PDB file of all heavy atoms in Angstrom:
ATOM      1  N   PRO A   1       5.446   5.948  13.951  1.00  0.00           N
ATOM      2  CA  PRO A   1       4.206   6.687  14.243  1.00  0.00           C
ATOM      3  C   PRO A   1       3.861   7.684  13.135  1.00  0.00           C
ATOM      4  O   PRO A   1       3.665   8.869  13.382  1.00  0.00           O
ATOM      5  CB  PRO A   1       4.536   7.387  15.561  1.00  0.00           C
ATOM      6  CG  PRO A   1       6.007   7.649  15.479  1.00  0.00           C
ATOM      7  CD  PRO A   1       6.594   6.470  14.725  1.00  0.00           C
ATOM      8  N   TRP A   2       3.750   7.169  11.923  1.00  0.00           N
ATOM      9  CA  TRP A   2       3.515   8.007  10.750  1.00  0.00           C
ATOM     10  C   TRP A   2       2.041   7.938  10.360  1.00  0.00           C
ATOM     11  O   TRP A   2       1.661   7.288   9.386  1.00  0.00           O
ATOM     12  CB  TRP A   2       4.395   7.546   9.587  1.00  0.00           C
ATOM     13  CG  TRP A   2       5.861   7.727   9.810  1.00  0.00           C
ATOM     14  CD1 TRP A   2       6.478   8.320  10.872  1.00  0.00           C
ATOM     15  CD2 TRP A   2       6.918   7.295   8.933  1.00  0.00           C
ATOM     16  NE1 TRP A   2       7.844   8.294  10.729  1.00  0.00           N
ATOM     17  CE2 TRP A   2       8.137   7.677   9.537  1.00  0.00           C
ATOM     18  CE3 TRP A   2       6.945   6.635   7.713  1.00  0.00           C
ATOM     19  CZ2 TRP A   2       9.374   7.407   8.955  1.00  0.00           C
ATOM     20  CZ3 TRP A   2       8.170   6.378   7.125  1.00  0.00           C
ATOM     21  CH2 TRP A   2       9.373   6.761   7.733  1.00  0.00           C
ATOM     22  N   PHE A   3       1.212   8.598  11.118  1.00  0.00           N
ATOM     23  CA  PHE A   3      -0.239   8.478  10.957  1.00  0.00           C
ATOM     24  C   PHE A   3      -0.697   8.879   9.557  1.00  0.00           C
ATOM     25  O   PHE A   3      -1.413   8.120   8.888  1.00  0.00           O
ATOM     26  CB  PHE A   3      -0.944   9.340  12.012  1.00  0.00           C
ATOM     27  CG  PHE A   3      -0.709   8.874  13.417  1.00  0.00           C
ATOM     28  CD1 PHE A   3       0.409   9.285  14.139  1.00  0.00           C
ATOM     29  CD2 PHE A   3      -1.597   8.012  14.029  1.00  0.00           C
ATOM     30  CE1 PHE A   3       0.638   8.841  15.431  1.00  0.00           C
ATOM     31  CE2 PHE A   3      -1.387   7.562  15.324  1.00  0.00           C
ATOM     32  CZ  PHE A   3      -0.256   7.979  16.023  1.00  0.00           C
ATOM     33  N   GLU A   4      -0.317  10.062   9.118  1.00  0.00           N
ATOM     34  CA  GLU A   4      -0.792  10.550   7.822  1.00  0.00           C
ATOM     35  C   GLU A   4      -0.292   9.661   6.681  1.00  0.00           C
ATOM     36  O   GLU A   4      -1.023   9.368   5.726  1.00  0.00           O
ATOM     37  CB  GLU A   4      -0.338  12.001   7.610  1.00  0.00           C
ATOM     38  CG  GLU A   4      -1.020  13.006   8.530  1.00  0.00           C
ATOM     39  CD  GLU A   4      -0.498  12.939   9.972  1.00  0.00           C
ATOM     40  OE1 GLU A   4       0.644  12.465  10.170  1.00  0.00           O
ATOM     41  OE2 GLU A   4      -1.234  13.346  10.883  1.00  0.00           O
ATOM     42  N   VAL A   5       0.957   9.219   6.770  1.00  0.00           N
ATOM     43  CA  VAL A   5       1.526   8.373   5.716  1.00  0.00           C
ATOM     44  C   VAL A   5       0.770   7.054   5.603  1.00  0.00           C
ATOM     45  O   VAL A   5       0.378   6.623   4.503  1.00  0.00           O
ATOM     46  CB  VAL A   5       3.024   8.101   5.993  1.00  0.00           C
ATOM     47  CG1 VAL A   5       3.551   6.988   5.091  1.00  0.00           C
ATOM     48  CG2 VAL A   5       3.840   9.372   5.794  1.00  0.00           C
ATOM     49  N   TYR A   6       0.533   6.421   6.731  1.00  0.00           N
ATOM     50  CA  TYR A   6      -0.103   5.095   6.673  1.00  0.00           C
ATOM     51  C   TYR A   6      -1.599   5.168   6.390  1.00  0.00           C
ATOM     52  O   TYR A   6      -2.167   4.243   5.788  1.00  0.00           O
ATOM     53  CB  TYR A   6       0.201   4.313   7.949  1.00  0.00           C
ATOM     54  CG  TYR A   6       1.593   3.722   7.907  1.00  0.00           C
ATOM     55  CD1 TYR A   6       2.618   4.203   8.716  1.00  0.00           C
ATOM     56  CD2 TYR A   6       1.885   2.699   7.018  1.00  0.00           C
ATOM     57  CE1 TYR A   6       3.896   3.668   8.637  1.00  0.00           C
ATOM     58  CE2 TYR A   6       3.159   2.151   6.939  1.00  0.00           C
ATOM     59  CZ  TYR A   6       4.156   2.648   7.755  1.00  0.00           C
ATOM     60  OH  TYR A   6       5.426   2.115   7.665  1.00  0.00           O
ATOM     61  N   TYR A   7      -2.252   6.246   6.797  1.00  0.00           N
ATOM     62  CA  TYR A   7      -3.656   6.397   6.413  1.00  0.00           C
ATOM     63  C   TYR A   7      -3.769   6.554   4.892  1.00  0.00           C
ATOM     64  O   TYR A   7      -4.667   5.999   4.257  1.00  0.00           O
ATOM     65  CB  TYR A   7      -4.267   7.622   7.106  1.00  0.00           C
ATOM     66  CG  TYR A   7      -4.570   7.415   8.577  1.00  0.00           C
ATOM     67  CD1 TYR A   7      -4.675   8.502   9.441  1.00  0.00           C
ATOM     68  CD2 TYR A   7      -4.760   6.145   9.105  1.00  0.00           C
ATOM     69  CE1 TYR A   7      -4.967   8.330  10.789  1.00  0.00           C
ATOM     70  CE2 TYR A   7      -5.041   5.948  10.444  1.00  0.00           C
ATOM     71  CZ  TYR A   7      -5.140   7.056  11.291  1.00  0.00           C
ATOM     72  OH  TYR A   7      -5.428   6.871  12.616  1.00  0.00           O
ATOM     73  N   LYS A   8      -2.847   7.307   4.319  1.00  0.00           N
ATOM     74  CA  LYS A   8      -2.847   7.481   2.865  1.00  0.00           C
ATOM     75  C   LYS A   8      -2.548   6.155   2.160  1.00  0.00           C
ATOM     76  O   LYS A   8      -3.181   5.808   1.154  1.00  0.00           O
ATOM     77  CB  LYS A   8      -1.807   8.532   2.474  1.00  0.00           C
ATOM     78  CG  LYS A   8      -1.751   8.846   0.992  1.00  0.00           C
ATOM     79  CD  LYS A   8      -0.725   9.927   0.701  1.00  0.00           C
ATOM     80  CE  LYS A   8      -0.654  10.216  -0.799  1.00  0.00           C
ATOM     81  NZ  LYS A   8       0.353  11.280  -1.104  1.00  0.00           N
ATOM     82  N   LEU A   9      -1.592   5.410   2.707  1.00  0.00           N
ATOM     83  CA  LEU A   9      -1.254   4.113   2.123  1.00  0.00           C
ATOM     84  C   LEU A   9      -2.444   3.150   2.204  1.00  0.00           C
ATOM     85  O   LEU A   9      -2.708   2.379   1.270  1.00  0.00           O
ATOM     86  CB  LEU A   9      -0.038   3.533   2.843  1.00  0.00           C
ATOM     87  CG  LEU A   9       0.601   2.278   2.241  1.00  0.00           C
ATOM     88  CD1 LEU A   9       1.103   2.559   0.835  1.00  0.00           C
ATOM     89  CD2 LEU A   9       1.755   1.800   3.125  1.00  0.00           C
ATOM     90  N   LEU A  10      -3.181   3.188   3.315  1.00  0.00           N
ATOM     91  CA  LEU A  10      -4.366   2.336   3.464  1.00  0.00           C
ATOM     92  C   LEU A  10      -5.428   2.671   2.422  1.00  0.00           C
ATOM     93  O   LEU A  10      -6.105   1.768   1.900  1.00  0.00           O
ATOM     94  CB  LEU A  10      -4.947   2.489   4.868  1.00  0.00           C
ATOM     95  CG  LEU A  10      -4.197   1.760   5.988  1.00  0.00           C
ATOM     96  CD1 LEU A  10      -4.668   2.242   7.353  1.00  0.00           C
ATOM     97  CD2 LEU A  10      -4.355   0.252   5.873  1.00  0.00           C
ATOM     98  N   ASN A  11      -5.575   3.950   2.117  1.00  0.00           N
ATOM     99  CA  ASN A  11      -6.548   4.336   1.086  1.00  0.00           C
ATOM    100  C   ASN A  11      -6.177   3.735  -0.265  1.00  0.00           C
ATOM    101  O   ASN A  11      -7.038   3.254  -1.005  1.00  0.00           O
ATOM    102  CB  ASN A  11      -6.616   5.862   0.969  1.00  0.00           C
ATOM    103  CG  ASN A  11      -7.290   6.499   2.169  1.00  0.00           C
ATOM    104  OD1 ASN A  11      -8.020   5.836   2.900  1.00  0.00           O
ATOM    105  ND2 ASN A  11      -7.058   7.785   2.368  1.00  0.00           N
ATOM    106  N   THR A  12      -4.883   3.766  -0.574  1.00  0.00           N
ATOM    107  CA  THR A  12      -4.416   3.189  -1.839  1.00  0.00           C
ATOM    108  C   THR A  12      -4.661   1.682  -1.876  1.00  0.00           C
ATOM    109  O   THR A  12      -5.124   1.132  -2.887  1.00  0.00           O
ATOM    110  CB  THR A  12      -2.919   3.491  -2.042  1.00  0.00           C
ATOM    111  OG1 THR A  12      -2.705   4.909  -2.005  1.00  0.00           O
ATOM    112  CG2 THR A  12      -2.428   2.944  -3.362  1.00  0.00           C
ATOM    113  N   LEU A  13      -4.355   1.008  -0.782  1.00  0.00           N
ATOM    114  CA  LEU A  13      -4.587  -0.438  -0.705  1.00  0.00           C
ATOM    115  C   LEU A  13      -6.068  -0.758  -0.869  1.00  0.00           C
ATOM    116  O   LEU A  13      -6.444  -1.727  -1.558  1.00  0.00           O
ATOM    117  CB  LEU A  13      -4.067  -0.987   0.625  1.00  0.00           C
ATOM    118  CG  LEU A  13      -2.568  -0.892   0.894  1.00  0.00           C
ATOM    119  CD1 LEU A  13      -2.246  -1.466   2.274  1.00  0.00           C
ATOM    120  CD2 LEU A  13      -1.774  -1.622  -0.180  1.00  0.00           C
ATOM    121  N   ALA A  14      -6.931   0.025  -0.229  1.00  0.00           N
ATOM    122  CA  ALA A  14      -8.376  -0.209  -0.324  1.00  0.00           C
ATOM    123  C   ALA A  14      -8.865  -0.032  -1.763  1.00  0.00           C
ATOM    124  O   ALA A  14      -9.730  -0.794  -2.236  1.00  0.00           O
ATOM    125  CB  ALA A  14      -9.123   0.745   0.606  1.00  0.00           C
ATOM    126  N   ASP A  15      -8.306   0.955  -2.468  1.00  0.00           N
ATOM    127  CA  ASP A  15      -8.682   1.158  -3.871  1.00  0.00           C
ATOM    128  C   ASP A  15      -8.278  -0.047  -4.723  1.00  0.00           C
ATOM    129  O   ASP A  15      -9.043  -0.507  -5.583  1.00  0.00           O
ATOM    130  CB  ASP A  15      -8.012   2.421  -4.420  1.00  0.00           C
ATOM    131  CG  ASP A  15      -8.653   3.686  -3.883  1.00  0.00           C
ATOM    132  OD1 ASP A  15      -9.783   3.612  -3.365  1.00  0.00           O
ATOM    133  OD2 ASP A  15      -8.015   4.757  -3.967  1.00  0.00           O
ATOM    134  N   TYR A  16      -7.070  -0.557  -4.499  1.00  0.00           N
ATOM    135  CA  TYR A  16      -6.610  -1.724  -5.254  1.00  0.00           C
ATOM    136  C   TYR A  16      -7.514  -2.928  -5.002  1.00  0.00           C
ATOM    137  O   TYR A  16      -7.848  -3.687  -5.926  1.00  0.00           O
ATOM    138  CB  TYR A  16      -5.172  -2.069  -4.879  1.00  0.00           C
ATOM    139  CG  TYR A  16      -4.134  -1.139  -5.460  1.00  0.00           C
ATOM    140  CD1 TYR A  16      -2.921  -0.928  -4.812  1.00  0.00           C
ATOM    141  CD2 TYR A  16      -4.344  -0.483  -6.671  1.00  0.00           C
ATOM    142  CE1 TYR A  16      -1.950  -0.080  -5.340  1.00  0.00           C
ATOM    143  CE2 TYR A  16      -3.401   0.361  -7.214  1.00  0.00           C
ATOM    144  CZ  TYR A  16      -2.202   0.563  -6.543  1.00  0.00           C
ATOM    145  OH  TYR A  16      -1.262   1.395  -7.068  1.00  0.00           O
ATOM    146  N   LEU A  17      -7.905  -3.109  -3.740  1.00  0.00           N
ATOM    147  CA  LEU A  17      -8.766  -4.244  -3.413  1.00  0.00           C
ATOM    148  C   LEU A  17     -10.144  -4.080  -4.042  1.00  0.00           C
ATOM    149  O   LEU A  17     -10.720  -5.056  -4.553  1.00  0.00           O
ATOM    150  CB  LEU A  17      -8.891  -4.373  -1.892  1.00  0.00           C
ATOM    151  CG  LEU A  17      -7.656  -4.916  -1.162  1.00  0.00           C
ATOM    152  CD1 LEU A  17      -7.839  -4.800   0.336  1.00  0.00           C
ATOM    153  CD2 LEU A  17      -7.410  -6.375  -1.559  1.00  0.00           C
ATOM    154  N   ALA A  18     -10.667  -2.862  -4.010  1.00  0.00           N
ATOM    155  CA  ALA A  18     -11.990  -2.623  -4.593  1.00  0.00           C
ATOM    156  C   ALA A  18     -11.995  -2.882  -6.101  1.00  0.00           C
ATOM    157  O   ALA A  18     -12.996  -3.349  -6.663  1.00  0.00           O
ATOM    158  CB  ALA A  18     -12.433  -1.197  -4.296  1.00  0.00           C
ATOM    159  N   LYS A  19     -10.870  -2.588  -6.742  1.00  0.00           N
ATOM    160  CA  LYS A  19     -10.757  -2.774  -8.191  1.00  0.00           C
ATOM    161  C   LYS A  19     -10.150  -4.134  -8.557  1.00  0.00           C
ATOM    162  O   LYS A  19      -9.895  -4.401  -9.729  1.00  0.00           O
ATOM    163  CB  LYS A  19      -9.906  -1.661  -8.785  1.00  0.00           C
ATOM    164  CG  LYS A  19     -10.504  -0.271  -8.598  1.00  0.00           C
ATOM    165  CD  LYS A  19      -9.544   0.821  -9.077  1.00  0.00           C
ATOM    166  CE  LYS A  19     -10.111   2.209  -8.838  1.00  0.00           C
ATOM    167  NZ  LYS A  19      -9.162   3.276  -9.243  1.00  0.00           N
ATOM    168  N   GLU A  20      -9.896  -4.942  -7.501  1.00  0.00           N
ATOM    169  CA  GLU A  20      -9.315  -6.280  -7.674  1.00  0.00           C
ATOM    170  C   GLU A  20      -7.976  -6.236  -8.409  1.00  0.00           C
ATOM    171  O   GLU A  20      -7.654  -7.099  -9.225  1.00  0.00           O
ATOM    172  CB  GLU A  20     -10.299  -7.193  -8.421  1.00  0.00           C
ATOM    173  CG  GLU A  20     -11.603  -7.398  -7.673  1.00  0.00           C
ATOM    174  CD  GLU A  20     -12.539  -8.359  -8.382  1.00  0.00           C
ATOM    175  OE1 GLU A  20     -12.233  -8.753  -9.534  1.00  0.00           O
ATOM    176  OE2 GLU A  20     -13.569  -8.734  -7.787  1.00  0.00           O
ATOM    177  N   GLN A  21      -7.177  -5.235  -8.078  1.00  0.00           N
ATOM    178  CA  GLN A  21      -5.843  -5.096  -8.666  1.00  0.00           C
ATOM    179  C   GLN A  21      -4.813  -5.685  -7.702  1.00  0.00           C
ATOM    180  O   GLN A  21      -4.000  -4.988  -7.112  1.00  0.00           O
ATOM    181  CB  GLN A  21      -5.540  -3.614  -8.951  1.00  0.00           C
ATOM    182  CG  GLN A  21      -6.478  -3.006  -9.977  1.00  0.00           C
ATOM    183  CD  GLN A  21      -6.255  -1.511 -10.159  1.00  0.00           C
ATOM    184  OE1 GLN A  21      -5.806  -0.823  -9.241  1.00  0.00           O
ATOM    185  NE2 GLN A  21      -6.567  -0.996 -11.350  1.00  0.00           N
ATOM    186  N   GLU A  22      -4.863  -6.991  -7.548  1.00  0.00           N
ATOM    187  CA  GLU A  22      -4.018  -7.673  -6.569  1.00  0.00           C
ATOM    188  C   GLU A  22      -2.532  -7.557  -6.906  1.00  0.00           C
ATOM    189  O   GLU A  22      -1.690  -7.451  -6.008  1.00  0.00           O
ATOM    190  CB  GLU A  22      -4.421  -9.143  -6.478  1.00  0.00           C
ATOM    191  CG  GLU A  22      -5.817  -9.357  -5.935  1.00  0.00           C
ATOM    192  CD  GLU A  22      -6.142 -10.833  -5.772  1.00  0.00           C
ATOM    193  OE1 GLU A  22      -5.203 -11.653  -5.918  1.00  0.00           O
ATOM    194  OE2 GLU A  22      -7.309 -11.164  -5.501  1.00  0.00           O
ATOM    195  N   GLU A  23      -2.210  -7.555  -8.189  1.00  0.00           N
ATOM    196  CA  GLU A  23      -0.803  -7.456  -8.575  1.00  0.00           C
ATOM    197  C   GLU A  23      -0.217  -6.100  -8.168  1.00  0.00           C
ATOM    198  O   GLU A  23       0.890  -6.032  -7.629  1.00  0.00           O
ATOM    199  CB  GLU A  23      -0.650  -7.658 -10.082  1.00  0.00           C
ATOM    200  CG  GLU A  23       0.806  -7.696 -10.544  1.00  0.00           C
ATOM    201  CD  GLU A  23       0.938  -8.013 -12.013  1.00  0.00           C
ATOM    202  OE1 GLU A  23      -0.037  -8.529 -12.607  1.00  0.00           O
ATOM    203  OE2 GLU A  23       2.022  -7.754 -12.584  1.00  0.00           O
ATOM    204  N   ASP A  24      -0.975  -5.037  -8.408  1.00  0.00           N
ATOM    205  CA  ASP A  24      -0.521  -3.703  -8.004  1.00  0.00           C
ATOM    206  C   ASP A  24      -0.392  -3.617  -6.484  1.00  0.00           C
ATOM    207  O   ASP A  24       0.553  -3.013  -5.956  1.00  0.00           O
ATOM    208  CB  ASP A  24      -1.501  -2.634  -8.494  1.00  0.00           C
ATOM    209  CG  ASP A  24      -1.460  -2.485 -10.010  1.00  0.00           C
ATOM    210  OD1 ASP A  24      -0.405  -2.809 -10.601  1.00  0.00           O
ATOM    211  OD2 ASP A  24      -2.464  -2.059 -10.595  1.00  0.00           O
ATOM    212  N   LEU A  25      -1.333  -4.208  -5.786  1.00  0.00           N
ATOM    213  CA  LEU A  25      -1.305  -4.198  -4.321  1.00  0.00           C
ATOM    214  C   LEU A  25      -0.046  -4.895  -3.799  1.00  0.00           C
ATOM    215  O   LEU A  25       0.655  -4.372  -2.933  1.00  0.00           O
ATOM    216  CB  LEU A  25      -2.563  -4.864  -3.775  1.00  0.00           C
ATOM    217  CG  LEU A  25      -2.730  -4.905  -2.253  1.00  0.00           C
ATOM    218  CD1 LEU A  25      -4.200  -4.768  -1.873  1.00  0.00           C
ATOM    219  CD2 LEU A  25      -2.182  -6.219  -1.688  1.00  0.00           C
ATOM    220  N   ASN A  26       0.235  -6.073  -4.327  1.00  0.00           N
ATOM    221  CA  ASN A  26       1.405  -6.829  -3.870  1.00  0.00           C
ATOM    222  C   ASN A  26       2.712  -6.120  -4.211  1.00  0.00           C
ATOM    223  O   ASN A  26       3.661  -6.130  -3.421  1.00  0.00           O
ATOM    224  CB  ASN A  26       1.394  -8.234  -4.473  1.00  0.00           C
ATOM    225  CG  ASN A  26       0.325  -9.120  -3.861  1.00  0.00           C
ATOM    226  OD1 ASN A  26       0.012  -8.994  -2.684  1.00  0.00           O
ATOM    227  ND2 ASN A  26      -0.254 -10.009  -4.666  1.00  0.00           N
ATOM    228  N   ASP A  27       2.763  -5.500  -5.394  1.00  0.00           N
ATOM    229  CA  ASP A  27       3.974  -4.767  -5.781  1.00  0.00           C
ATOM    230  C   ASP A  27       4.230  -3.598  -4.838  1.00  0.00           C
ATOM    231  O   ASP A  27       5.363  -3.352  -4.415  1.00  0.00           O
ATOM    232  CB  ASP A  27       3.840  -4.252  -7.220  1.00  0.00           C
ATOM    233  CG  ASP A  27       3.964  -5.364  -8.252  1.00  0.00           C
ATOM    234  OD1 ASP A  27       4.425  -6.471  -7.882  1.00  0.00           O
ATOM    235  OD2 ASP A  27       3.591  -5.136  -9.421  1.00  0.00           O
ATOM    236  N   LEU A  28       3.163  -2.872  -4.496  1.00  0.00           N
ATOM    237  CA  LEU A  28       3.317  -1.727  -3.594  1.00  0.00           C
ATOM    238  C   LEU A  28       3.819  -2.181  -2.223  1.00  0.00           C
ATOM    239  O   LEU A  28       4.743  -1.600  -1.652  1.00  0.00           O
ATOM    240  CB  LEU A  28       1.985  -0.988  -3.464  1.00  0.00           C
ATOM    241  CG  LEU A  28       2.000   0.312  -2.643  1.00  0.00           C
ATOM    242  CD1 LEU A  28       0.979   1.294  -3.185  1.00  0.00           C
ATOM    243  CD2 LEU A  28       1.687   0.031  -1.180  1.00  0.00           C
ATOM    244  N   LEU A  29       3.203  -3.221  -1.686  1.00  0.00           N
ATOM    245  CA  LEU A  29       3.604  -3.718  -0.367  1.00  0.00           C
ATOM    246  C   LEU A  29       5.033  -4.262  -0.399  1.00  0.00           C
ATOM    247  O   LEU A  29       5.814  -4.049   0.544  1.00  0.00           O
ATOM    248  CB  LEU A  29       2.632  -4.791   0.107  1.00  0.00           C
ATOM    249  CG  LEU A  29       1.230  -4.301   0.485  1.00  0.00           C
ATOM    250  CD1 LEU A  29       0.356  -5.496   0.873  1.00  0.00           C
ATOM    251  CD2 LEU A  29       1.293  -3.301   1.633  1.00  0.00           C
ATOM    252  N   GLU A  30       5.380  -4.945  -1.460  1.00  0.00           N
ATOM    253  CA  GLU A  30       6.736  -5.492  -1.575  1.00  0.00           C
ATOM    254  C   GLU A  30       7.763  -4.367  -1.625  1.00  0.00           C
ATOM    255  O   GLU A  30       8.807  -4.440  -0.961  1.00  0.00           O
ATOM    256  CB  GLU A  30       6.837  -6.354  -2.831  1.00  0.00           C
ATOM    257  CG  GLU A  30       8.145  -7.120  -2.953  1.00  0.00           C
ATOM    258  CD  GLU A  30       8.300  -8.194  -1.894  1.00  0.00           C
ATOM    259  OE1 GLU A  30       7.380  -9.004  -1.719  1.00  0.00           O
ATOM    260  OE2 GLU A  30       9.367  -8.207  -1.223  1.00  0.00           O
ATOM    261  N   ASN A  31       7.476  -3.318  -2.384  1.00  0.00           N
ATOM    262  CA  ASN A  31       8.398  -2.182  -2.488  1.00  0.00           C
ATOM    263  C   ASN A  31       8.592  -1.492  -1.143  1.00  0.00           C
ATOM    264  O   ASN A  31       9.708  -1.145  -0.758  1.00  0.00           O
ATOM    265  CB  ASN A  31       7.885  -1.166  -3.516  1.00  0.00           C
ATOM    266  CG  ASN A  31       8.001  -1.673  -4.930  1.00  0.00           C
ATOM    267  OD1 ASN A  31       8.782  -2.590  -5.213  1.00  0.00           O
ATOM    268  ND2 ASN A  31       7.216  -1.100  -5.840  1.00  0.00           N
ATOM    269  N   TRP A  32       7.488  -1.303  -0.432  1.00  0.00           N
ATOM    270  CA  TRP A  32       7.576  -0.593   0.845  1.00  0.00           C
ATOM    271  C   TRP A  32       8.210  -1.460   1.931  1.00  0.00           C
ATOM    272  O   TRP A  32       8.994  -0.979   2.751  1.00  0.00           O
ATOM    273  CB  TRP A  32       6.182  -0.127   1.269  1.00  0.00           C
ATOM    274  CG  TRP A  32       6.122   0.751   2.483  1.00  0.00           C
ATOM    275  CD1 TRP A  32       5.250   0.644   3.524  1.00  0.00           C
ATOM    276  CD2 TRP A  32       6.931   1.894   2.792  1.00  0.00           C
ATOM    277  NE1 TRP A  32       5.468   1.628   4.451  1.00  0.00           N
ATOM    278  CE2 TRP A  32       6.507   2.416   4.027  1.00  0.00           C
ATOM    279  CE3 TRP A  32       8.004   2.518   2.141  1.00  0.00           C
ATOM    280  CZ2 TRP A  32       7.087   3.529   4.630  1.00  0.00           C
ATOM    281  CZ3 TRP A  32       8.595   3.636   2.739  1.00  0.00           C
ATOM    282  CH2 TRP A  32       8.145   4.131   3.956  1.00  0.00           C
ATOM    283  N   TYR A  33       7.893  -2.731   1.933  1.00  0.00           N
ATOM    284  CA  TYR A  33       8.424  -3.640   2.953  1.00  0.00           C
ATOM    285  C   TYR A  33       9.940  -3.805   2.808  1.00  0.00           C
ATOM    286  O   TYR A  33      10.659  -3.907   3.809  1.00  0.00           O
ATOM    287  CB  TYR A  33       7.740  -5.003   2.830  1.00  0.00           C
ATOM    288  CG  TYR A  33       8.083  -5.978   3.937  1.00  0.00           C
ATOM    289  CD1 TYR A  33       7.621  -5.770   5.236  1.00  0.00           C
ATOM    290  CD2 TYR A  33       8.863  -7.108   3.690  1.00  0.00           C
ATOM    291  CE1 TYR A  33       7.930  -6.661   6.258  1.00  0.00           C
ATOM    292  CE2 TYR A  33       9.177  -8.005   4.698  1.00  0.00           C
ATOM    293  CZ  TYR A  33       8.708  -7.776   5.986  1.00  0.00           C
ATOM    294  OH  TYR A  33       9.012  -8.657   6.986  1.00  0.00           O
ATOM    295  N   SER A  34      10.422  -3.839   1.592  1.00  0.00           N
ATOM    296  CA  SER A  34      11.858  -4.027   1.343  1.00  0.00           C
ATOM    297  C   SER A  34      12.631  -2.717   1.378  1.00  0.00           C
ATOM    298  O   SER A  34      13.866  -2.723   1.342  1.00  0.00           O
ATOM    299  CB  SER A  34      12.078  -4.712  -0.013  1.00  0.00           C
ATOM    300  OG  SER A  34      11.547  -3.926  -1.063  1.00  0.00           O
ATOM    301  N   HIS A  35      11.923  -1.612   1.438  1.00  0.00           N
ATOM    302  CA  HIS A  35      12.573  -0.301   1.447  1.00  0.00           C
ATOM    303  C   HIS A  35      13.241  -0.069   2.806  1.00  0.00           C
ATOM    304  O   HIS A  35      12.620  -0.269   3.847  1.00  0.00           O
ATOM    305  CB  HIS A  35      11.535   0.797   1.181  1.00  0.00           C
ATOM    306  CG  HIS A  35      12.117   2.116   0.778  1.00  0.00           C
ATOM    307  ND1 HIS A  35      12.874   2.894   1.629  1.00  0.00           N
ATOM    308  CD2 HIS A  35      12.058   2.798  -0.398  1.00  0.00           C
ATOM    309  CE1 HIS A  35      13.244   3.993   1.006  1.00  0.00           C
ATOM    310  NE2 HIS A  35      12.765   3.962  -0.220  1.00  0.00           N
ATOM    311  N   PRO A  36      14.505   0.350   2.832  1.00  0.00           N
ATOM    312  CA  PRO A  36      15.132   0.697   4.117  1.00  0.00           C
ATOM    313  C   PRO A  36      14.338   1.801   4.807  1.00  0.00           C
ATOM    314  O   PRO A  36      13.755   2.665   4.131  1.00  0.00           O
ATOM    315  CB  PRO A  36      16.526   1.192   3.711  1.00  0.00           C
ATOM    316  CG  PRO A  36      16.762   0.624   2.352  1.00  0.00           C
ATOM    317  CD  PRO A  36      15.424   0.540   1.686  1.00  0.00           C
ATOM    318  N   VAL A  37      14.297   1.764   6.129  1.00  0.00           N
ATOM    319  CA  VAL A  37      13.549   2.797   6.859  1.00  0.00           C
ATOM    320  C   VAL A  37      14.158   4.157   6.541  1.00  0.00           C
ATOM    321  O   VAL A  37      15.328   4.406   6.842  1.00  0.00           O
ATOM    322  CB  VAL A  37      13.583   2.537   8.372  1.00  0.00           C
ATOM    323  CG1 VAL A  37      12.855   3.654   9.114  1.00  0.00           C
ATOM    324  CG2 VAL A  37      12.961   1.182   8.695  1.00  0.00           C
TER     325      VAL A  37
END
């Protein structure tokens, strides 16, 4: 239930999509998904 953290992360993802930076987007998601809680 990390509202502020995930809202901030969503803003970053939206910026990557707007700028068509798919590689940066995938790297960020991969890093966070594989990160231990």
